[in-house]
N, C-alpha and C. Protein backbone atom coordinates (compact mmCIF):
# COMPACT_ATOMS: atom_id res chain seq x y z
N UNK A 1 -5.94 -0.17 10.83
CA UNK A 1 -6.10 0.35 9.57
C UNK A 1 -6.29 -1.21 9.07
N UNK A 2 -7.08 -0.60 7.92
CA UNK A 2 -7.52 -1.59 6.82
C UNK A 2 -7.02 -1.76 5.30
N UNK A 3 -6.09 -2.24 5.08
CA UNK A 3 -5.14 -2.45 4.24
C UNK A 3 -5.63 -3.44 2.89
N UNK A 4 -5.78 -3.23 1.73
CA UNK A 4 -5.94 -4.13 0.36
C UNK A 4 -5.23 -3.84 -0.66
N UNK A 5 -4.21 -4.59 -1.46
CA UNK A 5 -3.69 -4.41 -2.32
C UNK A 5 -4.05 -5.27 -3.80
N UNK A 6 -4.54 -4.84 -4.43
CA UNK A 6 -5.45 -4.91 -5.44
C UNK A 6 -4.47 -5.02 -7.33
N UNK A 7 -4.95 -6.34 -8.09
CA UNK A 7 -4.13 -5.63 -9.24
C UNK A 7 -4.92 -6.02 -10.42
N UNK A 8 -4.63 -5.64 -11.57
CA UNK A 8 -5.74 -6.38 -11.95
C UNK A 8 -6.31 -8.04 -12.51
N UNK A 9 -5.55 -8.38 -11.93
CA UNK A 9 -5.72 -10.13 -12.13
C UNK A 9 -6.27 -10.89 -10.86
N UNK A 10 -6.21 -9.75 -9.53
CA UNK A 10 -6.93 -10.66 -8.39
C UNK A 10 -6.33 -9.88 -7.09
N UNK A 11 -6.76 -10.37 -5.70
CA UNK A 11 -6.70 -9.22 -4.59
C UNK A 11 -5.02 -10.12 -4.23
N UNK A 12 -4.57 -9.08 -3.45
CA UNK A 12 -3.20 -9.90 -3.36
C UNK A 12 -2.85 -9.82 -1.69
N UNK A 13 -3.64 -9.01 -1.40
CA UNK A 13 -4.07 -9.14 0.08
C UNK A 13 -4.92 -8.12 0.63
N UNK A 14 -5.57 -8.72 1.92
CA UNK A 14 -6.41 -7.63 2.36
C UNK A 14 -6.24 -8.04 4.08
N UNK A 15 -6.18 -6.99 4.96
CA UNK A 15 -5.93 -7.04 6.50
C UNK A 15 -6.03 -5.97 6.95
N UNK A 16 -5.72 -6.26 8.33
CA UNK A 16 -5.42 -4.88 9.39
C UNK A 16 -3.87 -4.76 9.53
N UNK A 17 -3.34 -3.82 9.08
CA UNK A 17 -1.95 -3.49 9.07
C UNK A 17 -1.43 -1.88 10.46
N UNK A 18 -0.61 -2.09 11.11
CA UNK A 18 -0.41 -0.65 11.95
C UNK A 18 0.46 0.02 10.92
N UNK A 19 1.14 0.28 9.92
CA UNK A 19 1.38 0.73 9.14
C UNK A 19 2.05 0.78 8.15
N UNK A 20 1.99 1.36 6.74
CA UNK A 20 2.90 0.61 5.44
C UNK A 20 3.61 1.93 5.18
N UNK A 21 4.42 1.11 4.01
CA UNK A 21 5.26 2.22 3.18
C UNK A 21 4.85 2.19 1.58
N UNK A 22 5.09 3.32 0.94
CA UNK A 22 5.24 3.35 -0.36
C UNK A 22 5.81 4.00 -1.13
N UNK A 23 6.18 3.57 -2.39
CA UNK A 23 7.17 4.81 -3.38
C UNK A 23 6.53 5.22 -3.82
N UNK A 24 5.85 6.61 -3.45
CA UNK A 24 5.66 7.61 -4.30
C UNK A 24 6.09 8.09 -5.80
N UNK A 25 5.42 8.56 -6.19
CA UNK A 25 6.08 9.03 -7.71
C UNK A 25 7.03 10.04 -7.05
N UNK A 26 6.98 10.70 -5.98
CA UNK A 26 7.23 11.91 -5.78
C UNK A 26 8.50 11.73 -4.55
N UNK A 27 8.46 10.52 -4.17
CA UNK A 27 9.14 10.15 -3.27
C UNK A 27 8.66 9.05 -2.35
N UNK A 28 9.28 8.30 -1.32
CA UNK A 28 8.49 7.30 -0.69
C UNK A 28 7.66 8.09 0.73
N UNK A 29 6.65 7.45 0.74
CA UNK A 29 5.95 7.96 2.40
C UNK A 29 5.94 6.56 3.15
N UNK A 30 5.30 7.23 4.18
CA UNK A 30 4.37 6.20 5.22
C UNK A 30 2.97 6.69 5.53
N UNK A 31 2.44 5.22 6.10
CA UNK A 31 0.87 5.89 6.59
C UNK A 31 0.71 5.16 7.87
N UNK A 32 0.45 5.85 8.75
CA UNK A 32 0.32 5.76 10.16
C UNK A 32 -1.77 5.95 10.88
N UNK A 33 -1.81 5.03 11.45
CA UNK A 33 -3.26 5.50 11.83
C UNK A 33 -4.08 6.65 12.00
N UNK A 34 -4.55 7.32 11.57
CA UNK A 34 -5.47 8.70 11.65
C UNK A 34 -4.26 9.23 10.42
N UNK A 35 -4.39 8.91 9.30
CA UNK A 35 -2.97 9.37 8.84
C UNK A 35 -4.35 10.60 7.94
N UNK A 36 -4.37 11.49 7.26
CA UNK A 36 -5.01 12.67 6.48
C UNK A 36 -5.42 11.99 5.23
N UNK A 37 -6.57 12.22 4.38
CA UNK A 37 -7.10 11.87 3.45
C UNK A 37 -5.98 12.43 1.93
N UNK A 38 -5.65 11.03 1.08
CA UNK A 38 -4.42 11.59 0.70
C UNK A 38 -4.67 10.35 -1.05
N UNK A 39 -4.60 10.99 -1.63
CA UNK A 39 -4.19 9.97 -3.54
C UNK A 39 -2.96 10.33 -3.95
N UNK A 40 -1.90 9.23 -4.53
CA UNK A 40 -1.01 9.15 -5.00
C UNK A 40 -0.58 8.22 -5.98
N UNK A 41 -0.18 8.91 -7.28
CA UNK A 41 0.91 7.54 -7.70
C UNK A 41 1.78 7.16 -7.33
N UNK A 42 1.98 5.84 -7.40
CA UNK A 42 2.92 4.89 -7.02
C UNK A 42 4.18 4.86 -8.45
N UNK A 43 5.48 4.52 -7.51
CA UNK A 43 6.64 4.59 -9.25
C UNK A 43 7.06 2.71 -9.03
N UNK A 44 7.67 2.32 -9.66
CA UNK A 44 7.87 0.76 -9.33
C UNK A 44 8.86 1.20 -8.15
N UNK A 45 8.68 0.16 -7.04
CA UNK A 45 9.09 -0.31 -5.73
C UNK A 45 8.69 -1.30 -4.85
N UNK A 46 9.28 -0.66 -3.50
CA UNK A 46 8.80 -1.46 -2.25
C UNK A 46 7.80 -0.79 -1.76
N UNK A 47 7.01 -2.04 -1.63
CA UNK A 47 5.82 -2.06 -0.87
C UNK A 47 6.04 -2.49 0.58
N UNK A 48 5.61 -2.01 1.72
CA UNK A 48 5.86 -2.87 3.42
C UNK A 48 5.33 -2.33 3.98
N UNK A 49 4.47 -3.46 4.67
CA UNK A 49 3.48 -2.84 5.92
C UNK A 49 3.47 -4.11 6.66
N UNK A 50 3.18 -3.57 7.99
CA UNK A 50 3.14 -4.65 9.55
C UNK A 50 2.13 -4.88 9.40
N UNK A 51 1.83 -5.97 10.33
CA UNK A 51 0.50 -7.20 10.37
C UNK A 51 1.20 -7.26 11.92
N UNK A 52 -0.08 -8.17 12.94
CA UNK A 52 -0.10 -8.90 14.01
C UNK A 52 1.37 -10.21 13.23
N UNK A 53 1.93 -10.68 12.67
CA UNK A 53 2.91 -11.93 12.29
C UNK A 53 4.10 -11.52 11.98
N UNK A 54 4.35 -10.13 11.29
CA UNK A 54 5.41 -9.41 11.16
C UNK A 54 5.51 -8.55 9.99
N UNK A 55 6.39 -7.72 9.06
CA UNK A 55 6.10 -6.96 8.26
C UNK A 55 6.69 -7.80 7.14
N UNK A 56 5.86 -7.11 6.10
CA UNK A 56 5.71 -7.97 4.39
C UNK A 56 6.05 -7.12 3.73
N UNK A 57 6.62 -7.43 2.86
CA UNK A 57 7.47 -6.27 1.73
C UNK A 57 6.88 -7.18 0.10
N UNK A 58 6.61 -6.19 -0.65
CA UNK A 58 6.42 -6.37 -2.10
C UNK A 58 6.74 -5.57 -2.98
N UNK A 59 7.02 -5.75 -4.48
CA UNK A 59 7.73 -4.96 -4.88
C UNK A 59 6.40 -4.90 -6.14
N UNK A 60 6.19 -3.25 -6.42
CA UNK A 60 5.29 -3.46 -7.14
C UNK A 60 5.60 -2.25 -8.70
N UNK A 61 5.01 -2.51 -9.62
CA UNK A 61 5.32 -1.91 -10.66
C UNK A 61 4.45 -0.77 -11.27
N UNK A 62 4.00 0.14 -10.13
CA UNK A 62 3.40 0.93 -10.50
C UNK A 62 2.24 0.85 -9.92
N UNK A 63 1.26 2.14 -9.98
CA UNK A 63 0.15 2.06 -9.32
C UNK A 63 -1.08 3.07 -8.84
N UNK A 64 -1.74 3.26 -8.01
CA UNK A 64 -2.00 4.44 -7.04
C UNK A 64 -2.27 3.68 -5.66
N UNK A 65 -2.17 5.17 -4.86
CA UNK A 65 -2.80 4.54 -3.47
C UNK A 65 -3.26 5.63 -3.07
N UNK A 66 -5.37 4.99 -2.57
CA UNK A 66 -5.31 5.83 -1.51
C UNK A 66 -5.95 5.67 -0.57
N UNK A 67 -5.78 6.55 -0.05
CA UNK A 67 -5.84 6.71 2.09
C UNK A 67 -7.07 7.50 2.08
N UNK A 68 -8.04 7.11 2.77
CA UNK A 68 -9.11 7.62 4.00
C UNK A 68 -9.64 6.91 4.69
N UNK A 69 -9.97 7.94 6.65
CA UNK A 69 -10.53 6.86 6.74
C UNK A 69 -9.92 5.48 7.65
N UNK A 70 -8.58 5.45 7.68
CA UNK A 70 -8.10 4.64 8.05
C UNK A 70 -8.48 3.27 7.14
N UNK A 71 -8.63 3.50 5.86
CA UNK A 71 -8.57 2.32 4.96
C UNK A 71 -7.56 2.58 3.57
N UNK A 72 -6.63 2.00 3.21
CA UNK A 72 -6.06 2.23 2.76
C UNK A 72 -5.91 0.66 1.48
N UNK A 73 -6.15 1.86 0.29
CA UNK A 73 -6.25 0.61 -1.36
C UNK A 73 -5.14 1.16 -2.07
N UNK A 74 -4.64 0.19 -2.33
CA UNK A 74 -3.84 0.06 -3.34
C UNK A 74 -4.49 -0.62 -4.49
N UNK A 75 -4.28 0.20 -6.18
CA UNK A 75 -3.79 -0.67 -7.00
C UNK A 75 -2.69 -0.38 -7.91
N UNK A 76 -2.61 -1.87 -8.10
CA UNK A 76 -1.02 -1.92 -8.45
C UNK A 76 -1.66 -2.04 -9.73
N UNK A 77 -0.42 -1.85 -10.27
CA UNK A 77 -0.10 -2.09 -12.13
C UNK A 77 0.29 -3.68 -12.04
N UNK A 78 1.00 -4.35 -11.50
CA UNK A 78 1.64 -5.35 -11.22
C UNK A 78 2.57 -5.08 -9.94
N UNK A 79 2.47 -7.09 -8.96
CA UNK A 79 2.99 -6.92 -8.42
C UNK A 79 4.00 -7.96 -8.15
N UNK A 80 5.10 -8.37 -7.84
CA UNK A 80 5.93 -9.16 -7.88
C UNK A 80 6.13 -10.01 -6.51
N UNK A 81 5.58 -10.54 -5.98
CA UNK A 81 5.73 -11.45 -5.12
C UNK A 81 7.09 -12.46 -4.77
């Protein structure tokens, strides 16, 4: 899956991931390959994702995530790296 994490200031991450977890407004959820299309508001919390180099975790201060056709786009208000 292709993941992009973008803030109003810059692109934080772009690359291939095997899974990603998000702090949804109504609770945490995980996205795996071939996930159904979804758009969700993000609460303040941890976004984690697995790349070929390992697992990374970032703190977001809210935003929106869209999953469609194995592409994930995160529009975060702010990322605390």
